Amino acid sequence: MSIIANTTVISNFACIGQSDLLRQLHKEIYISAEVYEEIQKGLSEGYFFYTSINEQIYPFCDSGWIKLTTLYDDNELRLFGKMPSRLHKGESSCLSIAYHRKWLFLTDDRDARIQAERLGIRFSGTIGCLILATEHHICTSEQANKWLYQMIQKGYHSPVNELALLLNL
């Protein structure tokens, strides 16, 4: 199954220097052109953890594991136009693409997750990725908790402060 990510999950891993964990978990993810615009705006506003992002994005880099995509048919564009105004364009585009292409949607945004649930879109987020990383033995639970703590220190509003209860340890 293909995966499309909103800015939030990418930012959480990028801000602690762990973007590659998403590549290890999913091999490739997609972002919409609108998410790319949000990332570029963040870079211009001083979020320097995005500095080397173009080196990870195809088509800017032939070996990029983050694939840039766009809304490409009338159905996707129509749904995009019907999204609630409280959602950003990045979230709305990802939701429309995920819905029509039957992709998994990565987001931490509460309103986007509510909309995904309404539309029957499968979704996950930063916590889900950290749990998956431990389940696939990419990292230990201690390392995942350390990364979570670092993300929280950088501004991530996590629903949990510790992963132990979610990991069934």
Protein backbone atom coordinates (compact mmCIF):
# COMPACT_ATOMS: atom_id res chain seq x y z
CA MET A 1 0.00 0.00 0.00
CA SER A 2 1.29 3.45 -0.87
CA ILE A 3 1.58 6.08 1.85
CA ILE A 4 1.08 9.84 1.70
CA ALA A 5 2.38 12.04 4.52
CA ASN A 6 1.34 15.40 5.78
CA THR A 7 3.89 17.92 6.98
CA THR A 8 3.47 17.09 10.69
CA VAL A 9 4.96 13.59 10.67
CA ILE A 10 7.81 14.57 8.35
CA SER A 11 8.58 17.57 10.58
CA ASN A 12 8.63 15.53 13.78
CA PHE A 13 11.23 13.13 12.44
CA ALA A 14 13.22 15.78 10.55
CA CYS A 15 13.52 18.08 13.57
CA ILE A 16 15.41 15.39 15.49
CA GLY A 17 17.50 14.26 12.51
CA GLN A 18 15.62 10.97 12.05
CA SER A 19 13.90 11.38 8.65
CA ASP A 20 15.60 8.20 7.52
CA LEU A 21 13.51 6.21 10.01
CA LEU A 22 10.47 6.88 7.79
CA ARG A 23 12.43 5.54 4.80
CA GLN A 24 13.44 2.44 6.75
CA LEU A 25 9.83 1.83 7.75
CA HIS A 26 8.06 2.54 4.50
CA LYS A 27 10.77 2.45 1.77
CA GLU A 28 9.02 5.39 0.09
CA ILE A 29 6.35 7.88 0.95
CA TYR A 30 4.51 10.44 -1.10
CA ILE A 31 3.90 14.09 -0.38
CA SER A 32 1.55 16.37 -2.26
CA ALA A 33 2.69 19.54 -3.98
CA GLU A 34 0.81 21.44 -1.26
CA VAL A 35 2.79 19.68 1.48
CA TYR A 36 5.98 20.52 -0.40
CA GLU A 37 4.92 24.18 -0.42
CA GLU A 38 4.36 24.03 3.36
CA ILE A 39 7.83 22.54 3.83
CA GLN A 40 9.39 25.29 1.68
CA LYS A 41 7.52 27.93 3.68
CA GLY A 42 8.82 26.35 6.89
CA LEU A 43 12.36 26.47 5.56
CA SER A 44 11.96 30.18 4.73
CA GLU A 45 10.64 30.75 8.27
CA GLY A 46 13.75 29.23 9.84
CA TYR A 47 12.95 25.53 10.17
CA PHE A 48 16.44 24.60 9.05
CA PHE A 49 15.91 20.88 9.60
CA TYR A 50 14.32 21.03 6.13
CA THR A 51 17.57 22.27 4.54
CA SER A 52 18.45 19.02 2.75
CA ILE A 53 14.88 17.87 2.04
CA ASN A 54 15.21 18.31 -1.74
CA GLU A 55 17.97 15.69 -1.68
CA GLN A 56 15.34 13.20 -0.48
CA ILE A 57 12.54 14.12 -2.89
CA TYR A 58 12.04 12.61 -6.30
CA PRO A 59 12.08 14.22 -8.94
CA PHE A 60 14.59 16.71 -7.47
CA CYS A 61 16.92 13.79 -6.75
CA ASP A 62 16.78 10.60 -8.82
CA SER A 63 17.32 8.46 -5.73
CA GLY A 64 14.76 10.35 -3.65
CA TRP A 65 12.58 8.16 -1.43
CA ILE A 66 9.99 10.90 -0.89
CA LYS A 67 7.89 11.05 -4.04
CA LEU A 68 6.21 14.28 -5.06
CA THR A 69 2.66 13.88 -6.37
CA THR A 70 -0.22 16.14 -7.30
CA LEU A 71 -3.98 16.10 -7.41
CA TYR A 72 -4.43 14.73 -10.91
CA ASP A 73 -8.04 14.12 -11.74
CA ASP A 74 -11.39 15.84 -11.38
CA ASN A 75 -12.51 13.58 -8.52
CA GLU A 76 -9.44 14.39 -6.43
CA LEU A 77 -9.80 18.09 -7.18
CA ARG A 78 -13.50 18.09 -6.30
CA LEU A 79 -12.92 16.41 -2.94
CA PHE A 80 -10.02 18.78 -2.26
CA GLY A 81 -12.37 21.71 -2.86
CA LYS A 82 -14.97 20.28 -0.45
CA MET A 83 -12.62 19.86 2.50
CA PRO A 84 -13.40 21.86 5.66
CA SER A 85 -11.78 25.30 5.69
CA ARG A 86 -10.06 24.59 9.02
CA LEU A 87 -7.73 22.17 7.23
CA HIS A 88 -4.57 23.41 5.54
CA LYS A 89 -4.10 22.80 1.83
CA GLY A 90 -1.50 20.12 2.58
CA GLU A 91 -3.89 18.15 4.75
CA SER A 92 -6.76 18.58 2.30
CA SER A 93 -4.69 17.44 -0.67
CA CYS A 94 -3.35 14.40 1.21
CA LEU A 95 -6.86 13.43 2.29
CA SER A 96 -8.19 13.69 -1.25
CA ILE A 97 -5.31 11.67 -2.69
CA ALA A 98 -5.48 9.04 0.07
CA TYR A 99 -9.23 8.67 -0.40
CA HIS A 100 -9.20 8.23 -4.16
CA ARG A 101 -6.02 6.14 -4.40
CA LYS A 102 -6.75 4.05 -1.26
CA TRP A 103 -3.48 5.06 0.36
CA LEU A 104 -2.48 5.18 4.03
CA PHE A 105 -2.34 8.76 5.35
CA LEU A 106 0.32 9.84 7.87
CA THR A 107 -0.70 12.85 9.96
CA ASP A 108 -0.73 14.05 13.54
CA ASP A 109 -3.25 16.80 12.92
CA ARG A 110 -6.42 16.14 14.92
CA ASP A 111 -8.83 17.72 12.41
CA ALA A 112 -7.21 15.83 9.52
CA ARG A 113 -7.52 12.55 11.44
CA ILE A 114 -11.20 13.24 12.16
CA GLN A 115 -11.79 13.91 8.47
CA ALA A 116 -9.86 10.77 7.52
CA GLU A 117 -12.04 8.72 9.84
CA ARG A 118 -15.21 10.23 8.30
CA LEU A 119 -13.96 9.31 4.84
CA GLY A 120 -12.85 5.81 5.81
CA ILE A 121 -9.18 6.55 5.12
CA ARG A 122 -6.62 4.47 7.00
CA PHE A 123 -4.24 6.72 8.91
CA SER A 124 -1.36 6.70 11.33
CA GLY A 125 1.09 9.25 12.68
CA THR A 126 4.31 9.84 14.55
CA ILE A 127 3.41 7.55 17.45
CA GLY A 128 2.35 4.81 15.05
CA CYS A 129 5.65 5.09 13.20
CA LEU A 130 7.65 4.87 16.45
CA ILE A 131 5.70 1.79 17.51
CA LEU A 132 6.15 0.20 14.09
CA ALA A 133 9.88 0.88 14.27
CA THR A 134 10.11 -1.05 17.54
CA GLU A 135 7.90 -3.88 16.25
CA HIS A 136 10.14 -4.25 13.18
CA HIS A 137 13.26 -4.11 15.37
CA ILE A 138 14.56 -0.98 13.68
CA CYS A 139 15.07 0.50 17.13
CA THR A 140 14.57 -0.45 20.75
CA SER A 141 11.66 0.83 22.79
CA GLU A 142 14.16 2.89 24.78
CA GLN A 143 15.41 4.56 21.60
CA ALA A 144 11.87 5.20 20.39
CA ASN A 145 11.04 6.82 23.74
CA LYS A 146 14.18 8.94 23.50
CA TRP A 147 13.14 10.16 20.03
CA LEU A 148 9.61 10.85 21.29
CA TYR A 149 11.01 12.89 24.16
CA GLN A 150 13.22 14.86 21.74
CA MET A 151 10.21 15.57 19.51
CA ILE A 152 8.20 16.78 22.51
CA GLN A 153 11.08 19.06 23.47
CA LYS A 154 11.00 20.48 19.91
CA GLY A 155 7.27 21.22 20.15
CA TYR A 156 5.43 18.04 19.22
CA HIS A 157 2.12 17.90 21.11
CA SER A 158 2.16 14.17 21.68
CA PRO A 159 -0.89 12.38 23.07
CA VAL A 160 1.50 10.30 25.21
CA ASN A 161 4.80 10.94 26.96
CA GLU A 162 5.90 7.32 26.94
CA LEU A 163 5.34 4.42 24.57
CA ALA A 164 5.37 1.49 27.04
CA LEU A 165 1.59 1.14 27.38
CA LEU A 166 1.19 1.19 23.60
CA LEU A 167 3.95 -1.38 23.09
CA ASN A 168 2.44 -3.98 25.43
CA LEU A 169 5.74 -4.40 27.28
